[in-house]
Protein backbone atom coordinates (compact mmCIF):
# COMPACT_ATOMS: atom_id res chain seq x y z
CA MET A 1 -5.07 -25.16 13.26
CA ASP A 2 -3.69 -21.98 11.64
CA GLY A 3 0.13 -21.84 11.11
CA ASP A 4 2.56 -19.35 9.94
CA GLY A 5 1.51 -17.86 6.55
CA SER A 6 -2.20 -18.07 7.46
CA GLU A 7 -3.81 -14.54 7.55
CA ASN A 8 -6.03 -15.64 10.54
CA ILE A 9 -3.07 -15.65 13.03
CA TYR A 10 -1.88 -12.12 12.52
CA CYS A 11 -3.30 -9.09 14.28
CA LEU A 12 -4.38 -5.84 12.64
CA SER A 13 -1.17 -4.24 14.06
CA HIS A 14 0.91 -6.67 12.00
CA TYR A 15 -0.77 -5.67 8.81
CA SER A 16 -0.53 -1.94 9.91
CA ASP A 17 3.21 -2.46 10.47
CA ALA A 18 3.56 -4.05 6.99
CA ALA A 19 1.78 -1.20 5.25
CA LEU A 20 4.26 1.19 7.08
CA ILE A 21 7.34 -0.82 5.84
CA TYR A 22 5.87 -0.96 2.39
CA SER A 23 5.40 2.79 2.43
CA LEU A 24 9.02 3.34 3.62
CA THR A 25 10.38 1.10 0.83
CA GLY A 26 8.45 2.74 -1.87
CA ASP A 27 6.09 -0.38 -2.58
CA THR A 28 2.94 1.69 -3.00
CA ASP A 29 0.95 -1.08 -4.56
CA SER A 30 1.58 -3.57 -1.60
CA MET A 31 0.96 -0.77 0.81
CA LYS A 32 -2.48 0.12 -0.68
CA LYS A 33 -3.55 -3.59 -0.88
CA THR A 34 -2.39 -4.22 2.78
CA ILE A 35 -4.31 -1.19 3.93
CA GLU A 36 -7.48 -2.17 1.86
CA TYR A 37 -7.24 -5.63 3.37
CA THR A 38 -6.88 -4.05 6.99
CA MET A 39 -9.83 -1.73 6.42
CA ASN A 40 -11.97 -4.60 5.40
CA ARG A 41 -10.85 -6.91 8.13
CA GLY A 42 -11.42 -4.50 11.02
CA VAL A 43 -10.69 -5.14 14.77
CA LYS A 44 -13.75 -7.11 15.73
CA ASN A 45 -12.14 -10.42 16.01
CA ASP A 46 -8.70 -9.19 16.75
CA PRO A 47 -6.92 -10.86 19.78
CA THR A 48 -5.48 -7.64 20.84
CA PRO A 49 -8.04 -4.97 19.60
CA LEU A 50 -6.82 -1.95 21.52
CA ARG A 51 -3.22 -2.43 20.86
CA SER A 52 -3.88 -3.20 17.22
CA PHE A 53 -6.25 -0.02 16.92
CA LEU A 54 -3.48 2.18 18.40
CA THR A 55 -0.87 0.63 16.22
CA PHE A 56 -3.15 1.29 13.10
CA ILE A 57 -3.62 4.86 13.99
CA TRP A 58 0.22 5.45 14.59
CA ASP A 59 1.29 3.71 11.42
CA MET A 60 -1.32 5.55 9.24
CA LYS A 61 -0.17 8.85 10.96
CA LEU A 62 3.39 8.13 9.77
CA ILE A 63 2.09 7.28 6.22
CA TYR A 64 -0.72 9.92 5.67
CA GLY A 65 -0.44 12.50 8.41
CA SER A 66 -2.70 12.84 11.56
CA ASP A 67 -5.83 13.97 10.04
CA ARG A 68 -6.05 11.19 7.33
CA ALA A 69 -5.11 8.60 9.91
CA LEU A 70 -7.89 9.75 12.22
CA GLU A 71 -10.31 9.62 9.36
CA MET A 72 -9.23 6.20 8.55
CA ALA A 73 -9.57 5.05 12.12
CA THR A 74 -13.13 6.47 12.18
CA GLU A 75 -13.90 4.58 8.97
CA LEU A 76 -12.62 1.46 10.49
CA LEU A 77 -14.78 1.82 13.58
CA ASN A 78 -17.92 2.78 11.61
CA ALA A 79 -17.37 -0.36 9.37
CA GLU A 80 -17.29 -2.45 12.62
CA GLN A 81 -20.63 -0.99 13.78
CA LYS A 82 -22.28 -1.97 10.49
CA SER A 83 -21.15 -5.46 10.54
């Protein structure tokens, strides 16, 4: 059973929100690592995929702007189709 601190209990939206917080606090290194992990993880096994995907788009929009957020969302979905 997974407990607090295990990466398997958190949704994509949790990681997206964390990336936003890192961005706001100026921790660019942690932000980039979290976004990279998020992009690799995807939404396939997420317990709340729609909510998580929409949160991802919103958070990336706040960090990078609308155009880049939509590009990243497309990349995330394309990666899901390949796996």
